[in-house]
Amino acid sequence: MKSRRVTVALATIMYLAIGASVAKAVPQVPKAAYWHNWTDSKGVTHLTKCYFHNYDLKTMSKPAGPQWQDRLSEGNATVISTIQPAHWNGIWHEDPKVQWIIPLKGTWFVEAMDGTRVKMGPGEISLGEDQNSIPDAAGKKGHLAGNVGNGPVTLMVVQLSAIPTINQPCHFK
């Protein structure tokens, strides 16, 4: 009877250990956020925090190991590296195209027409899609942007050939 209890106890421990290792082997799908500067149906811009959702764990190019990927858009794109000089001020303007903006060095801010203002540093992501904005009574149109602090800000900009949407916050999921 004693040996049976030991066998059952060992089997339970092994089951729990194997179950724990299997649970560790199945990775959690990550979450990553971006700020979407979008335009509503009245032409007013807003900043909304959005999340990428459609991650698949797969290799991008064999024999490289798998990595989490969320394909957001395919087609033509222009990649621009830009360095905004110290104290740069972008005044009120629309993005020239639907574009992803990723700070690489330094901190910058974006302010929407509704008054929402977000500061972004290295690794944070912004989607600029305010091309359909309409000037308000104060002449604000699109967004205000500028550097935070006394140094330059380095950005990576990926301009898409996508048609800007209206009233669709967080549509890149």
N, C-alpha and C. Protein backbone atom coordinates (compact mmCIF):
# COMPACT_ATOMS: atom_id res chain seq x y z
N MET A 1 0.82 -1.20 0.00
CA MET A 1 0.00 0.00 0.00
C MET A 1 0.86 1.25 0.00
N LYS A 2 1.97 1.17 0.79
CA LYS A 2 2.85 2.31 0.87
C LYS A 2 3.49 2.60 -0.49
N SER A 3 3.90 1.56 -1.21
CA SER A 3 4.54 1.76 -2.51
C SER A 3 3.55 2.33 -3.52
N ARG A 4 2.29 1.94 -3.40
CA ARG A 4 1.28 2.50 -4.30
C ARG A 4 1.11 3.99 -4.06
N ARG A 5 1.12 4.41 -2.75
CA ARG A 5 1.01 5.83 -2.44
C ARG A 5 2.21 6.59 -3.00
N VAL A 6 3.38 6.04 -2.87
CA VAL A 6 4.58 6.68 -3.39
C VAL A 6 4.49 6.78 -4.91
N THR A 7 4.03 5.73 -5.57
CA THR A 7 3.89 5.74 -7.02
C THR A 7 2.88 6.79 -7.46
N VAL A 8 1.75 6.86 -6.78
CA VAL A 8 0.74 7.86 -7.10
C VAL A 8 1.30 9.26 -6.86
N ALA A 9 2.01 9.46 -5.76
CA ALA A 9 2.59 10.76 -5.44
C ALA A 9 3.61 11.15 -6.51
N LEU A 10 4.47 10.22 -6.91
CA LEU A 10 5.45 10.49 -7.95
C LEU A 10 4.77 10.81 -9.28
N ALA A 11 3.74 10.04 -9.60
CA ALA A 11 3.01 10.27 -10.85
C ALA A 11 2.37 11.66 -10.83
N THR A 12 1.80 12.06 -9.69
CA THR A 12 1.19 13.38 -9.56
C THR A 12 2.23 14.48 -9.73
N ILE A 13 3.37 14.30 -9.08
CA ILE A 13 4.45 15.29 -9.20
C ILE A 13 4.90 15.41 -10.64
N MET A 14 5.09 14.26 -11.31
CA MET A 14 5.53 14.27 -12.70
C MET A 14 4.48 14.94 -13.59
N TYR A 15 3.21 14.63 -13.34
CA TYR A 15 2.13 15.23 -14.13
C TYR A 15 2.13 16.75 -13.96
N LEU A 16 2.26 17.20 -12.71
CA LEU A 16 2.28 18.63 -12.45
C LEU A 16 3.50 19.28 -13.08
N ALA A 17 4.65 18.61 -12.99
CA ALA A 17 5.88 19.16 -13.57
C ALA A 17 5.78 19.24 -15.09
N ILE A 18 5.28 18.19 -15.70
CA ILE A 18 5.12 18.18 -17.16
C ILE A 18 4.09 19.22 -17.57
N GLY A 19 3.00 19.30 -16.84
CA GLY A 19 1.98 20.30 -17.13
C GLY A 19 2.52 21.71 -17.02
N ALA A 20 3.34 21.97 -16.01
CA ALA A 20 3.94 23.29 -15.83
C ALA A 20 4.89 23.61 -16.97
N SER A 21 5.68 22.61 -17.39
CA SER A 21 6.62 22.88 -18.49
C SER A 21 5.88 23.09 -19.80
N VAL A 22 4.77 22.39 -20.00
CA VAL A 22 3.97 22.60 -21.20
C VAL A 22 3.35 24.00 -21.17
N ALA A 23 2.88 24.41 -19.99
CA ALA A 23 2.31 25.75 -19.87
C ALA A 23 3.36 26.81 -20.17
N LYS A 24 4.60 26.57 -19.73
CA LYS A 24 5.67 27.52 -20.02
C LYS A 24 6.02 27.49 -21.50
N ALA A 25 5.86 26.36 -22.15
CA ALA A 25 6.22 26.24 -23.56
C ALA A 25 5.23 26.96 -24.47
N VAL A 26 4.02 27.20 -24.00
CA VAL A 26 3.03 27.92 -24.79
C VAL A 26 3.10 29.39 -24.38
N PRO A 27 3.80 30.21 -25.18
CA PRO A 27 3.99 31.61 -24.78
C PRO A 27 2.71 32.43 -24.89
N GLN A 28 2.65 33.44 -24.06
CA GLN A 28 1.51 34.36 -24.09
C GLN A 28 1.65 35.30 -25.29
N VAL A 29 0.56 35.57 -25.94
CA VAL A 29 0.56 36.52 -27.05
C VAL A 29 0.83 37.91 -26.47
N PRO A 30 1.83 38.62 -27.00
CA PRO A 30 2.17 39.94 -26.44
C PRO A 30 1.16 41.01 -26.84
N LYS A 31 1.22 42.12 -26.12
CA LYS A 31 0.41 43.29 -26.45
C LYS A 31 1.36 44.45 -26.66
N ALA A 32 1.13 45.23 -27.69
CA ALA A 32 1.90 46.43 -27.94
C ALA A 32 0.92 47.54 -28.31
N ALA A 33 1.23 48.75 -27.85
CA ALA A 33 0.32 49.87 -28.04
C ALA A 33 0.88 50.89 -29.03
N TYR A 34 -0.02 51.68 -29.59
CA TYR A 34 0.35 52.82 -30.41
C TYR A 34 -0.69 53.91 -30.21
N TRP A 35 -0.31 55.16 -30.49
CA TRP A 35 -1.22 56.29 -30.42
C TRP A 35 -1.72 56.59 -31.82
N HIS A 36 -3.03 56.62 -32.00
CA HIS A 36 -3.63 56.88 -33.31
C HIS A 36 -4.18 58.30 -33.33
N ASN A 37 -3.63 59.15 -34.21
CA ASN A 37 -4.13 60.50 -34.44
C ASN A 37 -5.12 60.40 -35.60
N TRP A 38 -6.41 60.40 -35.31
CA TRP A 38 -7.45 60.17 -36.30
C TRP A 38 -8.41 61.35 -36.35
N THR A 39 -9.19 61.41 -37.42
CA THR A 39 -10.13 62.50 -37.65
C THR A 39 -11.56 61.97 -37.58
N ASP A 40 -12.42 62.68 -36.85
CA ASP A 40 -13.82 62.26 -36.77
C ASP A 40 -14.62 62.85 -37.94
N SER A 41 -15.91 62.57 -37.98
CA SER A 41 -16.75 62.99 -39.10
C SER A 41 -16.97 64.51 -39.14
N LYS A 42 -16.62 65.23 -38.06
CA LYS A 42 -16.74 66.68 -38.05
C LYS A 42 -15.41 67.37 -38.39
N GLY A 43 -14.37 66.55 -38.69
CA GLY A 43 -13.07 67.12 -39.06
C GLY A 43 -12.17 67.43 -37.88
N VAL A 44 -12.54 66.97 -36.69
CA VAL A 44 -11.74 67.20 -35.48
C VAL A 44 -10.83 66.00 -35.26
N THR A 45 -9.57 66.26 -34.91
CA THR A 45 -8.63 65.17 -34.67
C THR A 45 -8.62 64.77 -33.20
N HIS A 46 -8.28 63.49 -32.97
CA HIS A 46 -8.24 62.91 -31.63
C HIS A 46 -7.03 61.98 -31.55
N LEU A 47 -6.52 61.78 -30.34
CA LEU A 47 -5.47 60.79 -30.09
C LEU A 47 -6.06 59.69 -29.23
N THR A 48 -6.00 58.46 -29.72
CA THR A 48 -6.53 57.31 -29.00
C THR A 48 -5.44 56.26 -28.86
N LYS A 49 -5.30 55.70 -27.64
CA LYS A 49 -4.34 54.62 -27.43
C LYS A 49 -4.96 53.33 -27.95
N CYS A 50 -4.26 52.68 -28.86
CA CYS A 50 -4.76 51.47 -29.52
C CYS A 50 -3.76 50.33 -29.28
N TYR A 51 -4.20 49.11 -29.56
CA TYR A 51 -3.34 47.94 -29.36
C TYR A 51 -3.34 47.07 -30.62
N PHE A 52 -2.15 46.56 -30.93
CA PHE A 52 -2.05 45.55 -31.99
C PHE A 52 -2.59 44.25 -31.40
N HIS A 53 -3.33 43.47 -32.19
CA HIS A 53 -4.00 42.28 -31.64
C HIS A 53 -3.71 40.98 -32.39
N ASN A 54 -3.34 41.05 -33.63
CA ASN A 54 -3.30 39.83 -34.45
C ASN A 54 -1.90 39.26 -34.59
N TYR A 55 -1.27 38.97 -33.46
CA TYR A 55 0.08 38.42 -33.49
C TYR A 55 0.08 36.92 -33.77
N ASP A 56 0.99 36.51 -34.64
CA ASP A 56 1.25 35.10 -34.90
C ASP A 56 2.72 34.86 -34.59
N LEU A 57 3.03 33.74 -33.97
CA LEU A 57 4.40 33.37 -33.67
C LEU A 57 4.91 32.53 -34.83
N LYS A 58 5.78 33.14 -35.65
CA LYS A 58 6.31 32.44 -36.82
C LYS A 58 7.63 33.08 -37.23
N THR A 59 8.36 32.36 -38.05
CA THR A 59 9.62 32.91 -38.53
C THR A 59 9.36 33.89 -39.66
N MET A 60 10.17 34.92 -39.72
CA MET A 60 10.06 35.88 -40.81
C MET A 60 10.89 35.40 -42.00
N SER A 61 11.97 34.68 -41.68
CA SER A 61 12.86 34.18 -42.72
C SER A 61 13.66 33.01 -42.15
N LYS A 62 13.40 31.82 -42.66
CA LYS A 62 14.12 30.64 -42.17
C LYS A 62 15.60 30.78 -42.48
N PRO A 63 16.48 30.37 -41.62
CA PRO A 63 16.30 29.56 -40.42
C PRO A 63 16.13 30.37 -39.14
N ALA A 64 15.88 31.66 -39.21
CA ALA A 64 15.69 32.46 -38.01
C ALA A 64 14.54 31.90 -37.18
N GLY A 65 14.67 32.03 -35.88
CA GLY A 65 13.64 31.54 -34.97
C GLY A 65 12.35 32.33 -35.10
N PRO A 66 11.28 31.79 -34.53
CA PRO A 66 9.99 32.47 -34.62
C PRO A 66 9.96 33.75 -33.78
N GLN A 67 9.18 34.69 -34.23
CA GLN A 67 8.95 35.93 -33.50
C GLN A 67 7.49 36.34 -33.70
N TRP A 68 6.98 37.12 -32.77
CA TRP A 68 5.59 37.56 -32.86
C TRP A 68 5.46 38.60 -33.96
N GLN A 69 4.51 38.39 -34.86
CA GLN A 69 4.30 39.29 -36.00
C GLN A 69 2.82 39.64 -36.12
N ASP A 70 2.56 40.89 -36.41
CA ASP A 70 1.21 41.38 -36.69
C ASP A 70 1.31 42.19 -37.98
N ARG A 71 0.95 41.59 -39.10
CA ARG A 71 1.05 42.29 -40.39
C ARG A 71 -0.07 43.30 -40.49
N LEU A 72 0.31 44.57 -40.51
CA LEU A 72 -0.67 45.65 -40.47
C LEU A 72 -1.07 46.13 -41.85
N SER A 73 -0.12 46.12 -42.76
CA SER A 73 -0.37 46.69 -44.06
C SER A 73 0.67 46.15 -45.03
N GLU A 74 0.25 45.94 -46.25
CA GLU A 74 1.19 45.54 -47.29
C GLU A 74 1.00 46.47 -48.47
N GLY A 75 2.07 46.71 -49.19
CA GLY A 75 1.99 47.61 -50.33
C GLY A 75 3.16 48.57 -50.33
N ASN A 76 3.00 49.66 -51.05
CA ASN A 76 4.07 50.63 -51.16
C ASN A 76 4.21 51.44 -49.88
N ALA A 77 5.46 51.72 -49.53
CA ALA A 77 5.75 52.54 -48.36
C ALA A 77 7.04 53.30 -48.61
N THR A 78 7.15 54.45 -47.99
CA THR A 78 8.38 55.24 -48.02
C THR A 78 8.89 55.31 -46.59
N VAL A 79 10.17 55.00 -46.41
CA VAL A 79 10.78 55.04 -45.08
C VAL A 79 11.69 56.26 -45.01
N ILE A 80 11.48 57.07 -43.97
CA ILE A 80 12.23 58.32 -43.80
C ILE A 80 12.83 58.35 -42.40
N SER A 81 14.12 58.62 -42.32
CA SER A 81 14.76 58.91 -41.05
C SER A 81 14.84 60.42 -40.94
N THR A 82 14.37 60.99 -39.84
CA THR A 82 14.36 62.44 -39.69
C THR A 82 14.93 62.81 -38.33
N ILE A 83 15.66 63.92 -38.29
CA ILE A 83 16.16 64.45 -37.03
C ILE A 83 15.62 65.87 -36.90
N GLN A 84 14.78 66.05 -35.90
CA GLN A 84 14.21 67.37 -35.64
C GLN A 84 15.22 68.12 -34.77
N PRO A 85 15.68 69.30 -35.19
CA PRO A 85 16.66 70.05 -34.40
C PRO A 85 16.13 70.39 -33.01
N ALA A 86 17.02 70.72 -32.11
CA ALA A 86 16.62 71.13 -30.76
C ALA A 86 15.56 72.23 -30.84
N HIS A 87 14.56 72.14 -29.99
CA HIS A 87 13.47 73.12 -29.89
C HIS A 87 12.59 73.17 -31.13
N TRP A 88 12.58 72.10 -31.93
CA TRP A 88 11.74 72.05 -33.14
C TRP A 88 10.28 72.19 -32.76
N ASN A 89 9.54 72.95 -33.56
CA ASN A 89 8.12 73.15 -33.36
C ASN A 89 7.43 72.95 -34.70
N GLY A 90 6.55 71.95 -34.77
CA GLY A 90 5.88 71.62 -36.03
C GLY A 90 4.63 72.42 -36.32
N ILE A 91 4.29 73.40 -35.51
CA ILE A 91 3.03 74.15 -35.62
C ILE A 91 1.88 73.23 -36.07
N TRP A 92 0.69 73.79 -36.20
CA TRP A 92 -0.48 72.98 -36.57
C TRP A 92 -0.40 72.60 -38.04
N HIS A 93 -0.50 71.30 -38.30
CA HIS A 93 -0.43 70.79 -39.69
C HIS A 93 -1.02 69.38 -39.74
N GLU A 94 -1.35 68.93 -40.93
CA GLU A 94 -1.78 67.54 -41.14
C GLU A 94 -0.57 66.70 -41.54
N ASP A 95 -0.64 65.40 -41.25
CA ASP A 95 0.39 64.50 -41.75
C ASP A 95 0.30 64.47 -43.28
N PRO A 96 1.43 64.42 -43.98
CA PRO A 96 1.39 64.42 -45.43
C PRO A 96 0.78 63.14 -46.01
N LYS A 97 0.91 62.04 -45.28
CA LYS A 97 0.36 60.74 -45.67
C LYS A 97 0.00 59.98 -44.41
N VAL A 98 -0.75 58.90 -44.53
CA VAL A 98 -0.93 58.01 -43.40
C VAL A 98 0.46 57.47 -43.07
N GLN A 99 0.89 57.64 -41.83
CA GLN A 99 2.27 57.28 -41.52
C GLN A 99 2.46 56.81 -40.09
N TRP A 100 3.34 55.83 -39.95
CA TRP A 100 3.79 55.35 -38.65
C TRP A 100 5.00 56.18 -38.27
N ILE A 101 5.06 56.65 -37.02
CA ILE A 101 6.17 57.46 -36.55
C ILE A 101 6.70 56.82 -35.27
N ILE A 102 8.00 56.50 -35.27
CA ILE A 102 8.62 55.83 -34.13
C ILE A 102 9.82 56.65 -33.67
N PRO A 103 9.76 57.24 -32.48
CA PRO A 103 10.92 57.95 -31.97
C PRO A 103 12.06 56.96 -31.69
N LEU A 104 13.25 57.31 -32.14
CA LEU A 104 14.43 56.49 -31.89
C LEU A 104 15.32 57.09 -30.80
N LYS A 105 15.34 58.42 -30.72
CA LYS A 105 16.16 59.11 -29.73
C LYS A 105 15.47 60.42 -29.38
N GLY A 106 15.38 60.72 -28.10
CA GLY A 106 14.72 61.95 -27.65
C GLY A 106 13.23 61.75 -27.45
N THR A 107 12.55 62.81 -27.05
CA THR A 107 11.11 62.77 -26.78
C THR A 107 10.44 63.89 -27.56
N TRP A 108 9.28 63.58 -28.13
CA TRP A 108 8.49 64.58 -28.84
C TRP A 108 7.06 64.48 -28.34
N PHE A 109 6.23 65.44 -28.74
CA PHE A 109 4.82 65.41 -28.36
C PHE A 109 3.96 65.60 -29.60
N VAL A 110 2.72 65.13 -29.49
CA VAL A 110 1.69 65.36 -30.50
C VAL A 110 0.45 65.83 -29.75
N GLU A 111 -0.19 66.88 -30.24
CA GLU A 111 -1.43 67.37 -29.65
C GLU A 111 -2.51 67.39 -30.72
N ALA A 112 -3.65 66.77 -30.43
CA ALA A 112 -4.78 66.74 -31.35
C ALA A 112 -5.65 67.97 -31.15
N MET A 113 -6.53 68.21 -32.09
CA MET A 113 -7.43 69.36 -32.03
C MET A 113 -8.35 69.32 -30.82
N ASP A 114 -8.65 68.12 -30.30
CA ASP A 114 -9.53 68.02 -29.14
C ASP A 114 -8.80 68.35 -27.83
N GLY A 115 -7.50 68.68 -27.91
CA GLY A 115 -6.71 69.05 -26.73
C GLY A 115 -5.90 67.92 -26.13
N THR A 116 -6.10 66.68 -26.58
CA THR A 116 -5.32 65.56 -26.07
C THR A 116 -3.87 65.73 -26.52
N ARG A 117 -2.96 65.60 -25.56
CA ARG A 117 -1.53 65.77 -25.83
C ARG A 117 -0.79 64.57 -25.28
N VAL A 118 0.06 63.97 -26.11
CA VAL A 118 0.80 62.77 -25.73
C VAL A 118 2.28 63.00 -25.98
N LYS A 119 3.11 62.64 -24.99
CA LYS A 119 4.57 62.66 -25.15
C LYS A 119 5.01 61.24 -25.49
N MET A 120 5.93 61.11 -26.43
CA MET A 120 6.42 59.80 -26.85
C MET A 120 7.93 59.79 -26.91
N GLY A 121 8.52 58.74 -26.36
CA GLY A 121 9.96 58.56 -26.38
C GLY A 121 10.34 57.35 -27.20
N PRO A 122 11.63 56.97 -27.15
CA PRO A 122 12.13 55.86 -27.96
C PRO A 122 11.30 54.58 -27.80
N GLY A 123 10.92 54.02 -28.94
CA GLY A 123 10.17 52.77 -28.97
C GLY A 123 8.67 52.92 -28.94
N GLU A 124 8.16 54.11 -28.62
CA GLU A 124 6.71 54.31 -28.65
C GLU A 124 6.32 54.55 -30.11
N ILE A 125 5.05 54.35 -30.41
CA ILE A 125 4.61 54.37 -31.80
C ILE A 125 3.40 55.28 -31.95
N SER A 126 3.39 56.01 -33.07
CA SER A 126 2.26 56.88 -33.39
C SER A 126 1.82 56.59 -34.82
N LEU A 127 0.52 56.59 -35.03
CA LEU A 127 -0.04 56.47 -36.38
C LEU A 127 -0.70 57.80 -36.71
N GLY A 128 -0.11 58.52 -37.65
CA GLY A 128 -0.66 59.81 -38.06
C GLY A 128 -1.63 59.63 -39.22
N GLU A 129 -2.89 59.99 -38.98
CA GLU A 129 -3.93 59.82 -40.02
C GLU A 129 -4.96 60.94 -39.87
N ASP A 130 -4.46 62.18 -39.93
CA ASP A 130 -5.34 63.33 -39.69
C ASP A 130 -5.57 64.18 -40.95
N GLN A 131 -5.45 63.55 -42.11
CA GLN A 131 -5.53 64.28 -43.38
C GLN A 131 -6.91 64.87 -43.67
N ASN A 132 -7.95 64.41 -43.05
CA ASN A 132 -9.30 64.91 -43.33
C ASN A 132 -9.79 65.92 -42.30
N SER A 133 -8.85 66.55 -41.59
CA SER A 133 -9.27 67.51 -40.57
C SER A 133 -9.72 68.83 -41.20
N ILE A 134 -10.51 69.56 -40.45
CA ILE A 134 -11.06 70.85 -40.90
C ILE A 134 -10.63 71.90 -39.87
N PRO A 135 -10.12 73.05 -40.31
CA PRO A 135 -9.68 74.06 -39.34
C PRO A 135 -10.80 74.47 -38.40
N ASP A 136 -10.45 74.64 -37.11
CA ASP A 136 -11.44 75.12 -36.15
C ASP A 136 -11.41 76.64 -36.11
N ALA A 137 -12.17 77.24 -35.21
CA ALA A 137 -12.27 78.71 -35.14
C ALA A 137 -10.93 79.37 -34.85
N ALA A 138 -10.04 78.66 -34.17
CA ALA A 138 -8.71 79.21 -33.84
C ALA A 138 -7.68 78.93 -34.94
N GLY A 139 -8.11 78.24 -36.00
CA GLY A 139 -7.19 77.93 -37.10
C GLY A 139 -6.40 76.64 -36.90
N LYS A 140 -6.72 75.88 -35.85
CA LYS A 140 -6.04 74.60 -35.62
C LYS A 140 -6.52 73.58 -36.65
N LYS A 141 -5.57 72.89 -37.27
CA LYS A 141 -5.92 71.87 -38.24
C LYS A 141 -4.89 70.75 -38.12
N GLY A 142 -5.37 69.50 -38.04
CA GLY A 142 -4.46 68.36 -37.93
C GLY A 142 -3.95 68.19 -36.52
N HIS A 143 -2.66 68.47 -36.34
CA HIS A 143 -2.06 68.30 -35.02
C HIS A 143 -0.91 69.29 -34.84
N LEU A 144 -0.57 69.50 -33.59
CA LEU A 144 0.60 70.28 -33.21
C LEU A 144 1.64 69.27 -32.74
N ALA A 145 2.89 69.47 -33.11
CA ALA A 145 3.94 68.56 -32.69
C ALA A 145 5.20 69.36 -32.38
N GLY A 146 6.04 68.80 -31.53
CA GLY A 146 7.29 69.47 -31.21
C GLY A 146 8.15 68.62 -30.31
N ASN A 147 9.38 69.08 -30.12
CA ASN A 147 10.31 68.37 -29.26
C ASN A 147 10.05 68.70 -27.80
N VAL A 148 10.37 67.74 -26.94
CA VAL A 148 10.32 67.93 -25.49
C VAL A 148 11.77 67.98 -25.03
N GLY A 149 12.13 68.98 -24.28
CA GLY A 149 13.51 69.11 -23.80
C GLY A 149 14.35 69.96 -24.73
N ASN A 150 15.64 69.93 -24.50
CA ASN A 150 16.56 70.83 -25.20
C ASN A 150 17.32 70.18 -26.34
N GLY A 151 17.13 68.90 -26.58
CA GLY A 151 17.91 68.23 -27.60
C GLY A 151 17.11 67.92 -28.85
N PRO A 152 17.81 67.40 -29.88
CA PRO A 152 17.13 66.98 -31.11
C PRO A 152 16.35 65.68 -30.86
N VAL A 153 15.45 65.37 -31.77
CA VAL A 153 14.66 64.13 -31.70
C VAL A 153 14.82 63.40 -33.03
N THR A 154 15.21 62.13 -32.96
CA THR A 154 15.36 61.30 -34.15
C THR A 154 14.13 60.42 -34.29
N LEU A 155 13.50 60.45 -35.46
CA LEU A 155 12.29 59.68 -35.72
C LEU A 155 12.49 58.78 -36.94
N MET A 156 11.84 57.63 -36.94
CA MET A 156 11.71 56.79 -38.13
C MET A 156 10.26 56.94 -38.57
N VAL A 157 10.06 57.34 -39.80
CA VAL A 157 8.72 57.57 -40.34
C VAL A 157 8.50 56.59 -41.50
N VAL A 158 7.39 55.87 -41.45
CA VAL A 158 7.03 54.95 -42.53
C VAL A 158 5.72 55.45 -43.12
N GLN A 159 5.80 56.07 -44.30
CA GLN A 159 4.62 56.60 -44.96
C GLN A 159 3.99 55.52 -45.83
N LEU A 160 2.68 55.33 -45.67
CA LEU A 160 1.94 54.30 -46.39
C LEU A 160 1.22 54.88 -47.60
N SER A 161 0.86 54.02 -48.51
CA SER A 161 0.05 54.45 -49.65
C SER A 161 -1.44 54.31 -49.34
N ALA A 162 -1.77 54.10 -48.07
CA ALA A 162 -3.16 53.90 -47.65
C ALA A 162 -3.97 55.18 -47.77
N ILE A 163 -5.25 55.01 -48.02
CA ILE A 163 -6.19 56.13 -48.07
C ILE A 163 -6.62 56.43 -46.63
N PRO A 164 -6.52 57.70 -46.18
CA PRO A 164 -6.90 58.02 -44.81
C PRO A 164 -8.38 57.76 -44.55
N THR A 165 -8.68 57.28 -43.37
CA THR A 165 -10.07 56.98 -42.99
C THR A 165 -10.65 58.14 -42.19
N ILE A 166 -11.96 58.09 -41.99
CA ILE A 166 -12.66 59.05 -41.15
C ILE A 166 -13.46 58.25 -40.12
N ASN A 167 -13.38 58.71 -38.87
CA ASN A 167 -14.17 58.11 -37.79
C ASN A 167 -13.85 56.64 -37.55
N GLN A 168 -12.59 56.26 -37.69
CA GLN A 168 -12.19 54.86 -37.48
C GLN A 168 -10.97 54.76 -36.58
N PRO A 169 -11.09 55.15 -35.30
CA PRO A 169 -9.94 55.01 -34.41
C PRO A 169 -9.55 53.54 -34.25
N CYS A 170 -8.27 53.31 -34.15
CA CYS A 170 -7.73 51.97 -33.88
C CYS A 170 -8.03 50.96 -34.99
N HIS A 171 -8.19 51.38 -36.22
CA HIS A 171 -8.53 50.41 -37.27
C HIS A 171 -7.36 49.52 -37.65
N PHE A 172 -6.12 49.89 -37.30
CA PHE A 172 -4.98 48.98 -37.48
C PHE A 172 -4.91 48.13 -36.22
N LYS A 173 -5.43 46.92 -36.29
CA LYS A 173 -5.44 46.02 -35.12
C LYS A 173 -4.74 44.74 -35.46
